[in-house]
N, C-alpha and C. Protein backbone atom coordinates (compact mmCIF):
# COMPACT_ATOMS: atom_id res chain seq x y z
N MET A 1 -13.17 -32.27 -0.72
CA MET A 1 -12.76 -31.22 -1.64
C MET A 1 -12.77 -29.85 -0.96
N ARG A 2 -13.78 -29.62 -0.14
CA ARG A 2 -13.89 -28.34 0.56
C ARG A 2 -12.70 -28.15 1.52
N THR A 3 -12.28 -29.19 2.20
CA THR A 3 -11.15 -29.12 3.11
C THR A 3 -9.87 -28.78 2.34
N TYR A 4 -9.71 -29.37 1.16
CA TYR A 4 -8.55 -29.11 0.31
C TYR A 4 -8.52 -27.64 -0.10
N PHE A 5 -9.67 -27.10 -0.53
CA PHE A 5 -9.76 -25.69 -0.93
C PHE A 5 -9.44 -24.78 0.25
N LEU A 6 -9.97 -25.10 1.42
CA LEU A 6 -9.71 -24.29 2.62
C LEU A 6 -8.22 -24.30 2.98
N ALA A 7 -7.57 -25.47 2.86
CA ALA A 7 -6.14 -25.56 3.16
C ALA A 7 -5.32 -24.69 2.20
N ILE A 8 -5.67 -24.71 0.93
CA ILE A 8 -4.96 -23.89 -0.07
C ILE A 8 -5.20 -22.41 0.21
N LEU A 9 -6.43 -22.04 0.56
CA LEU A 9 -6.74 -20.65 0.87
C LEU A 9 -5.95 -20.16 2.07
N LEU A 10 -5.88 -20.96 3.12
CA LEU A 10 -5.13 -20.57 4.32
C LEU A 10 -3.64 -20.47 4.04
N ALA A 11 -3.10 -21.38 3.24
CA ALA A 11 -1.68 -21.33 2.89
C ALA A 11 -1.39 -20.06 2.07
N GLY A 12 -2.28 -19.71 1.16
CA GLY A 12 -2.11 -18.50 0.37
C GLY A 12 -2.14 -17.25 1.24
N MET A 13 -3.04 -17.23 2.21
CA MET A 13 -3.12 -16.08 3.11
C MET A 13 -1.85 -15.97 3.96
N ALA A 14 -1.31 -17.10 4.38
CA ALA A 14 -0.07 -17.09 5.16
C ALA A 14 1.08 -16.52 4.33
N LEU A 15 1.13 -16.87 3.05
CA LEU A 15 2.18 -16.32 2.18
C LEU A 15 2.00 -14.82 1.97
N LEU A 16 0.76 -14.37 1.88
CA LEU A 16 0.50 -12.95 1.67
C LEU A 16 0.84 -12.12 2.89
N THR A 17 0.62 -12.65 4.09
CA THR A 17 0.87 -11.86 5.29
C THR A 17 2.35 -11.82 5.60
N GLY A 18 3.06 -12.91 5.57
CA GLY A 18 4.51 -12.94 5.76
C GLY A 18 5.01 -12.01 6.85
N CYS A 19 6.29 -11.67 6.79
CA CYS A 19 6.87 -10.72 7.73
C CYS A 19 6.58 -9.32 7.24
N ALA A 20 6.02 -8.50 8.11
CA ALA A 20 5.65 -7.15 7.71
C ALA A 20 6.58 -6.09 8.30
N THR A 21 7.43 -6.46 9.26
CA THR A 21 8.37 -5.50 9.83
C THR A 21 9.73 -6.13 10.03
N SER A 22 10.74 -5.27 10.09
CA SER A 22 12.09 -5.73 10.42
C SER A 22 12.86 -4.55 10.98
N HIS A 23 13.96 -4.87 11.67
CA HIS A 23 14.81 -3.80 12.18
C HIS A 23 16.26 -4.26 12.22
N VAL A 24 17.15 -3.26 12.21
CA VAL A 24 18.58 -3.47 12.37
C VAL A 24 19.04 -2.51 13.46
N LEU A 25 19.57 -3.05 14.54
CA LEU A 25 20.02 -2.21 15.65
C LEU A 25 21.25 -1.40 15.25
N ILE A 26 21.22 -0.10 15.56
CA ILE A 26 22.38 0.76 15.35
C ILE A 26 22.73 1.48 16.65
N GLY A 27 22.00 1.16 17.71
CA GLY A 27 22.22 1.75 19.02
C GLY A 27 21.73 0.77 20.08
N GLU A 28 21.59 1.27 21.28
CA GLU A 28 21.15 0.43 22.39
C GLU A 28 19.63 0.50 22.55
N PRO A 29 18.95 -0.66 22.52
CA PRO A 29 17.51 -0.64 22.75
C PRO A 29 17.19 -0.29 24.20
N ARG A 30 15.97 0.15 24.41
CA ARG A 30 15.47 0.51 25.74
C ARG A 30 14.29 -0.41 26.06
N PRO A 31 13.76 -0.32 27.27
CA PRO A 31 12.57 -1.13 27.59
C PRO A 31 11.40 -0.75 26.67
N PRO A 32 10.59 -1.74 26.27
CA PRO A 32 9.46 -1.47 25.37
C PRO A 32 8.47 -0.47 25.97
N ILE A 33 7.82 0.28 25.07
CA ILE A 33 6.78 1.24 25.46
C ILE A 33 5.55 1.00 24.59
N SER A 34 4.49 1.74 24.84
CA SER A 34 3.27 1.64 24.03
C SER A 34 3.48 2.33 22.68
N PRO A 35 3.01 1.72 21.59
CA PRO A 35 3.13 2.36 20.27
C PRO A 35 2.43 3.72 20.22
N ASP A 36 1.45 3.94 21.07
CA ASP A 36 0.74 5.22 21.11
C ASP A 36 1.66 6.37 21.54
N LYS A 37 2.76 6.04 22.20
CA LYS A 37 3.69 7.06 22.69
C LYS A 37 4.79 7.40 21.67
N VAL A 38 4.77 6.72 20.52
CA VAL A 38 5.79 6.94 19.49
C VAL A 38 5.32 8.06 18.55
N LYS A 39 6.14 9.11 18.44
CA LYS A 39 5.83 10.26 17.60
C LYS A 39 6.54 10.12 16.26
N VAL A 40 5.87 10.53 15.19
CA VAL A 40 6.44 10.47 13.84
C VAL A 40 7.05 11.82 13.50
N PHE A 41 8.33 11.82 13.09
CA PHE A 41 9.03 13.03 12.67
C PHE A 41 9.35 12.95 11.18
N LEU A 42 9.16 14.06 10.48
CA LEU A 42 9.57 14.14 9.08
C LEU A 42 10.95 14.76 8.94
N SER A 43 11.38 15.46 9.98
CA SER A 43 12.75 15.99 10.05
C SER A 43 13.24 15.76 11.48
N PRO A 44 14.56 15.73 11.67
CA PRO A 44 15.09 15.39 13.01
C PRO A 44 14.60 16.36 14.08
N PRO A 45 14.28 15.84 15.27
CA PRO A 45 13.90 16.71 16.38
C PRO A 45 15.13 17.46 16.90
N ALA A 46 14.90 18.42 17.76
CA ALA A 46 16.02 19.16 18.36
C ALA A 46 16.90 18.20 19.15
N PRO A 47 18.22 18.35 19.04
CA PRO A 47 19.11 17.48 19.82
C PRO A 47 18.92 17.72 21.30
N PRO A 48 19.26 16.78 22.12
CA PRO A 48 19.87 15.50 21.76
C PRO A 48 18.82 14.43 21.51
N PHE A 49 19.16 13.48 20.67
CA PHE A 49 18.35 12.27 20.51
C PHE A 49 19.29 11.13 20.17
N GLU A 50 18.85 9.92 20.46
CA GLU A 50 19.66 8.72 20.20
C GLU A 50 19.02 7.91 19.08
N GLU A 51 19.82 7.43 18.16
CA GLU A 51 19.34 6.52 17.13
C GLU A 51 19.42 5.11 17.69
N ILE A 52 18.33 4.38 17.60
CA ILE A 52 18.26 3.03 18.16
C ILE A 52 18.32 1.96 17.06
N ALA A 53 17.54 2.15 15.99
CA ALA A 53 17.49 1.11 14.95
C ALA A 53 16.96 1.67 13.64
N LEU A 54 17.31 0.99 12.56
CA LEU A 54 16.67 1.22 11.27
C LEU A 54 15.49 0.27 11.21
N VAL A 55 14.30 0.79 10.93
CA VAL A 55 13.11 -0.05 10.90
C VAL A 55 12.43 0.04 9.53
N GLU A 56 11.88 -1.07 9.10
CA GLU A 56 11.15 -1.13 7.84
C GLU A 56 9.85 -1.88 8.08
N ALA A 57 8.81 -1.48 7.34
CA ALA A 57 7.51 -2.13 7.48
C ALA A 57 6.77 -2.07 6.16
N SER A 58 5.77 -2.94 6.03
CA SER A 58 4.90 -2.91 4.85
C SER A 58 3.46 -3.11 5.30
N SER A 59 2.56 -2.85 4.39
CA SER A 59 1.14 -3.04 4.67
C SER A 59 0.69 -4.47 4.36
N ARG A 60 1.63 -5.34 4.03
CA ARG A 60 1.31 -6.72 3.66
C ARG A 60 0.42 -7.36 4.74
N GLY A 61 -0.70 -7.92 4.30
CA GLY A 61 -1.60 -8.60 5.22
C GLY A 61 -2.60 -7.67 5.90
N ALA A 62 -2.46 -6.35 5.71
CA ALA A 62 -3.42 -5.41 6.30
C ALA A 62 -4.72 -5.44 5.50
N TRP A 63 -5.80 -5.15 6.16
CA TRP A 63 -7.10 -5.17 5.49
C TRP A 63 -7.44 -3.81 4.91
N ALA A 64 -6.45 -3.03 4.55
CA ALA A 64 -6.66 -1.71 3.97
C ALA A 64 -6.81 -1.84 2.45
N VAL A 65 -7.65 -0.99 1.87
CA VAL A 65 -7.88 -1.03 0.43
C VAL A 65 -7.25 0.18 -0.26
N SER A 66 -7.41 1.37 0.32
CA SER A 66 -6.90 2.58 -0.31
C SER A 66 -5.39 2.73 -0.08
N ASP A 67 -4.76 3.55 -0.92
CA ASP A 67 -3.33 3.82 -0.74
C ASP A 67 -3.07 4.45 0.62
N GLN A 68 -3.93 5.39 1.03
CA GLN A 68 -3.75 6.05 2.32
C GLN A 68 -3.88 5.04 3.46
N GLY A 69 -4.86 4.16 3.36
CA GLY A 69 -5.04 3.14 4.40
C GLY A 69 -3.85 2.20 4.50
N LYS A 70 -3.29 1.83 3.34
CA LYS A 70 -2.11 0.96 3.33
C LYS A 70 -0.89 1.68 3.90
N THR A 71 -0.72 2.96 3.56
CA THR A 71 0.40 3.74 4.11
C THR A 71 0.25 3.88 5.61
N ASN A 72 -0.97 4.16 6.08
CA ASN A 72 -1.22 4.25 7.52
C ASN A 72 -0.87 2.95 8.23
N ALA A 73 -1.21 1.82 7.61
CA ALA A 73 -0.90 0.52 8.21
C ALA A 73 0.61 0.32 8.31
N ALA A 74 1.35 0.69 7.26
CA ALA A 74 2.81 0.54 7.28
C ALA A 74 3.43 1.43 8.36
N ILE A 75 2.96 2.67 8.48
CA ILE A 75 3.51 3.58 9.50
C ILE A 75 3.15 3.10 10.90
N GLN A 76 1.93 2.57 11.08
CA GLN A 76 1.56 2.03 12.40
C GLN A 76 2.48 0.86 12.76
N ARG A 77 2.83 0.04 11.79
CA ARG A 77 3.74 -1.08 12.06
C ARG A 77 5.15 -0.57 12.40
N LEU A 78 5.58 0.52 11.76
CA LEU A 78 6.86 1.13 12.13
C LEU A 78 6.83 1.55 13.59
N LYS A 79 5.74 2.19 14.00
CA LYS A 79 5.61 2.65 15.38
C LYS A 79 5.63 1.47 16.36
N GLU A 80 4.96 0.37 15.99
CA GLU A 80 4.94 -0.82 16.86
C GLU A 80 6.33 -1.43 17.00
N GLU A 81 7.06 -1.49 15.89
CA GLU A 81 8.41 -2.06 15.92
C GLU A 81 9.33 -1.16 16.75
N ALA A 82 9.23 0.15 16.53
CA ALA A 82 10.05 1.10 17.29
C ALA A 82 9.72 1.02 18.78
N ALA A 83 8.45 0.94 19.11
CA ALA A 83 8.03 0.86 20.52
C ALA A 83 8.58 -0.40 21.19
N SER A 84 8.66 -1.49 20.43
CA SER A 84 9.19 -2.74 21.01
C SER A 84 10.67 -2.59 21.36
N LEU A 85 11.34 -1.60 20.75
CA LEU A 85 12.76 -1.33 21.02
C LEU A 85 12.95 -0.19 22.01
N GLY A 86 11.84 0.35 22.51
CA GLY A 86 11.91 1.44 23.47
C GLY A 86 12.08 2.82 22.85
N ALA A 87 11.92 2.93 21.55
CA ALA A 87 12.04 4.23 20.89
C ALA A 87 10.74 5.01 21.07
N ASN A 88 10.84 6.30 21.35
CA ASN A 88 9.63 7.11 21.48
C ASN A 88 9.41 8.01 20.27
N GLY A 89 10.19 7.77 19.21
CA GLY A 89 10.01 8.52 17.98
C GLY A 89 10.52 7.73 16.79
N ILE A 90 10.00 8.06 15.62
CA ILE A 90 10.55 7.52 14.37
C ILE A 90 10.79 8.70 13.44
N LEU A 91 11.94 8.69 12.82
CA LEU A 91 12.30 9.69 11.83
C LEU A 91 12.05 9.05 10.47
N LEU A 92 10.94 9.42 9.84
CA LEU A 92 10.51 8.78 8.60
C LEU A 92 11.51 9.06 7.48
N ARG A 93 12.00 8.01 6.85
CA ARG A 93 12.96 8.14 5.76
C ARG A 93 12.28 8.09 4.41
N GLY A 94 11.16 7.37 4.32
CA GLY A 94 10.47 7.30 3.03
C GLY A 94 9.36 6.27 3.02
N THR A 95 8.50 6.39 2.00
CA THR A 95 7.44 5.42 1.76
C THR A 95 7.49 5.03 0.29
N GLY A 96 6.90 3.91 -0.03
CA GLY A 96 6.90 3.46 -1.41
C GLY A 96 5.85 2.39 -1.65
N SER A 97 5.88 1.82 -2.82
CA SER A 97 4.95 0.75 -3.20
C SER A 97 5.74 -0.47 -3.60
N GLN A 98 5.15 -1.63 -3.35
CA GLN A 98 5.79 -2.89 -3.70
C GLN A 98 4.73 -3.79 -4.30
N SER A 99 4.96 -4.25 -5.50
CA SER A 99 4.03 -5.16 -6.16
C SER A 99 4.77 -6.43 -6.50
N ASN A 100 4.56 -7.45 -5.70
CA ASN A 100 5.31 -8.68 -5.93
C ASN A 100 4.45 -9.92 -5.86
N VAL A 101 3.16 -9.75 -5.73
CA VAL A 101 2.28 -10.91 -5.62
C VAL A 101 1.14 -10.74 -6.60
N SER A 102 0.74 -11.82 -7.22
CA SER A 102 -0.41 -11.81 -8.09
C SER A 102 -1.37 -12.90 -7.63
N VAL A 103 -2.62 -12.55 -7.55
CA VAL A 103 -3.64 -13.51 -7.17
C VAL A 103 -4.43 -13.82 -8.42
N GLY A 104 -4.56 -15.09 -8.75
CA GLY A 104 -5.25 -15.45 -9.98
C GLY A 104 -6.18 -16.63 -9.80
N THR A 105 -7.10 -16.76 -10.72
CA THR A 105 -8.01 -17.90 -10.73
C THR A 105 -8.29 -18.25 -12.18
N GLY A 106 -8.66 -19.46 -12.43
CA GLY A 106 -8.92 -19.88 -13.79
C GLY A 106 -9.87 -21.05 -13.85
N SER A 107 -10.36 -21.33 -15.04
CA SER A 107 -11.29 -22.42 -15.24
C SER A 107 -11.03 -23.01 -16.62
N ALA A 108 -11.20 -24.29 -16.75
CA ALA A 108 -11.00 -24.94 -18.05
C ALA A 108 -11.99 -26.08 -18.20
N THR A 109 -12.40 -26.32 -19.43
CA THR A 109 -13.29 -27.45 -19.73
C THR A 109 -12.73 -28.19 -20.93
N TYR A 110 -13.13 -29.42 -21.05
CA TYR A 110 -12.68 -30.27 -22.15
C TYR A 110 -13.90 -30.98 -22.71
N SER A 111 -14.08 -30.86 -24.02
CA SER A 111 -15.23 -31.50 -24.65
C SER A 111 -14.90 -31.78 -26.11
N ASP A 112 -15.21 -32.97 -26.57
CA ASP A 112 -15.03 -33.35 -27.97
C ASP A 112 -13.64 -33.01 -28.52
N ASN A 113 -12.61 -33.45 -27.82
CA ASN A 113 -11.22 -33.22 -28.22
C ASN A 113 -10.84 -31.73 -28.31
N THR A 114 -11.58 -30.87 -27.64
CA THR A 114 -11.29 -29.43 -27.62
C THR A 114 -11.34 -28.96 -26.17
N SER A 115 -10.38 -28.13 -25.82
CA SER A 115 -10.39 -27.59 -24.46
C SER A 115 -10.56 -26.07 -24.53
N TYR A 116 -11.20 -25.54 -23.51
CA TYR A 116 -11.44 -24.11 -23.39
C TYR A 116 -10.99 -23.67 -22.00
N GLY A 117 -10.39 -22.50 -21.92
CA GLY A 117 -9.94 -22.02 -20.62
C GLY A 117 -10.02 -20.50 -20.53
N ALA A 118 -10.13 -20.03 -19.32
CA ALA A 118 -10.16 -18.59 -19.05
C ALA A 118 -9.53 -18.35 -17.69
N GLY A 119 -8.96 -17.19 -17.51
CA GLY A 119 -8.34 -16.87 -16.23
C GLY A 119 -8.36 -15.38 -15.97
N VAL A 120 -8.26 -15.04 -14.72
CA VAL A 120 -8.23 -13.64 -14.29
C VAL A 120 -7.11 -13.51 -13.27
N GLY A 121 -6.29 -12.47 -13.39
CA GLY A 121 -5.23 -12.22 -12.43
C GLY A 121 -5.31 -10.79 -11.91
N ILE A 122 -5.06 -10.63 -10.64
CA ILE A 122 -5.10 -9.30 -10.01
C ILE A 122 -3.79 -9.10 -9.27
N GLY A 123 -3.08 -8.03 -9.57
CA GLY A 123 -1.84 -7.72 -8.87
C GLY A 123 -2.14 -7.12 -7.50
N VAL A 124 -1.35 -7.48 -6.52
CA VAL A 124 -1.53 -6.95 -5.17
C VAL A 124 -0.38 -5.98 -4.88
N VAL A 125 -0.72 -4.75 -4.52
CA VAL A 125 0.27 -3.72 -4.24
C VAL A 125 0.27 -3.44 -2.74
N HIS A 126 1.45 -3.47 -2.15
CA HIS A 126 1.63 -3.16 -0.73
C HIS A 126 2.36 -1.82 -0.63
N LYS A 127 2.09 -1.10 0.44
CA LYS A 127 2.84 0.13 0.73
C LYS A 127 3.96 -0.23 1.70
N THR A 128 5.11 0.41 1.53
CA THR A 128 6.26 0.18 2.39
C THR A 128 6.67 1.51 3.03
N ALA A 129 7.35 1.40 4.16
CA ALA A 129 7.86 2.59 4.85
C ALA A 129 9.14 2.23 5.57
N SER A 130 10.04 3.20 5.68
CA SER A 130 11.28 2.99 6.43
C SER A 130 11.54 4.22 7.29
N ALA A 131 12.19 3.99 8.42
CA ALA A 131 12.45 5.07 9.38
C ALA A 131 13.63 4.71 10.26
N VAL A 132 14.09 5.70 11.00
CA VAL A 132 15.08 5.49 12.05
C VAL A 132 14.32 5.59 13.37
N ALA A 133 14.39 4.53 14.17
CA ALA A 133 13.77 4.55 15.50
C ALA A 133 14.70 5.34 16.41
N ILE A 134 14.14 6.35 17.09
CA ILE A 134 14.96 7.23 17.93
C ILE A 134 14.36 7.35 19.32
N TYR A 135 15.22 7.75 20.24
CA TYR A 135 14.76 8.15 21.57
C TYR A 135 15.13 9.61 21.73
N TYR A 136 14.13 10.44 21.94
CA TYR A 136 14.38 11.88 22.09
C TYR A 136 13.82 12.34 23.43
N SER A 137 14.32 13.45 23.89
CA SER A 137 13.83 14.05 25.13
C SER A 137 13.04 15.29 24.77
N GLU A 138 11.86 15.42 25.36
CA GLU A 138 11.06 16.62 25.11
C GLU A 138 11.67 17.82 25.78
N GLU A 139 12.52 17.58 26.76
CA GLU A 139 13.26 18.65 27.41
C GLU A 139 14.72 18.54 27.01
N PRO A 140 15.28 19.55 26.37
CA PRO A 140 16.67 19.49 25.89
C PRO A 140 17.64 19.09 27.00
N HIS A 141 18.62 18.29 26.64
CA HIS A 141 19.70 17.84 27.53
C HIS A 141 19.23 16.99 28.69
N GLN A 142 18.12 16.26 28.50
CA GLN A 142 17.60 15.45 29.60
C GLN A 142 17.60 13.95 29.28
N ILE A 143 18.35 13.50 28.32
CA ILE A 143 18.39 12.06 28.02
C ILE A 143 19.19 11.36 29.10
N LYS A 144 18.53 10.39 29.73
CA LYS A 144 19.18 9.61 30.78
C LYS A 144 18.98 8.14 30.48
N ARG A 145 19.91 7.34 30.89
CA ARG A 145 19.79 5.90 30.69
C ARG A 145 19.34 5.22 31.94
């Protein structure tokens, strides 16, 4: 019985973690870099810069509890995805919330032709973020391939 419970728990965790990032190429990717080198922009940097991809991420599967922690996890995943494409910046397009999973448990008993049951459900909210992965030059007019 314990093995059965563990298998169900692991399967549920796999469903909760799922894919947390995605991208659509709109330019030419570059060699990967460290996510620590990716800068977050709220408005476009000074030209020139190249758009590499549209990236999306969520906090799904992150061990964050607060809204800020979940948003930080989503933005960190954006940076990781952008870095894998060689982008050294992300132009943040927006953040949001997504509630599509409910975790529940219940119990029931049967006695003397009568059954009793109770259950508890908790909604799980993930934070989402989207950005444009870009390559920018800190020195104007110095973008080279």
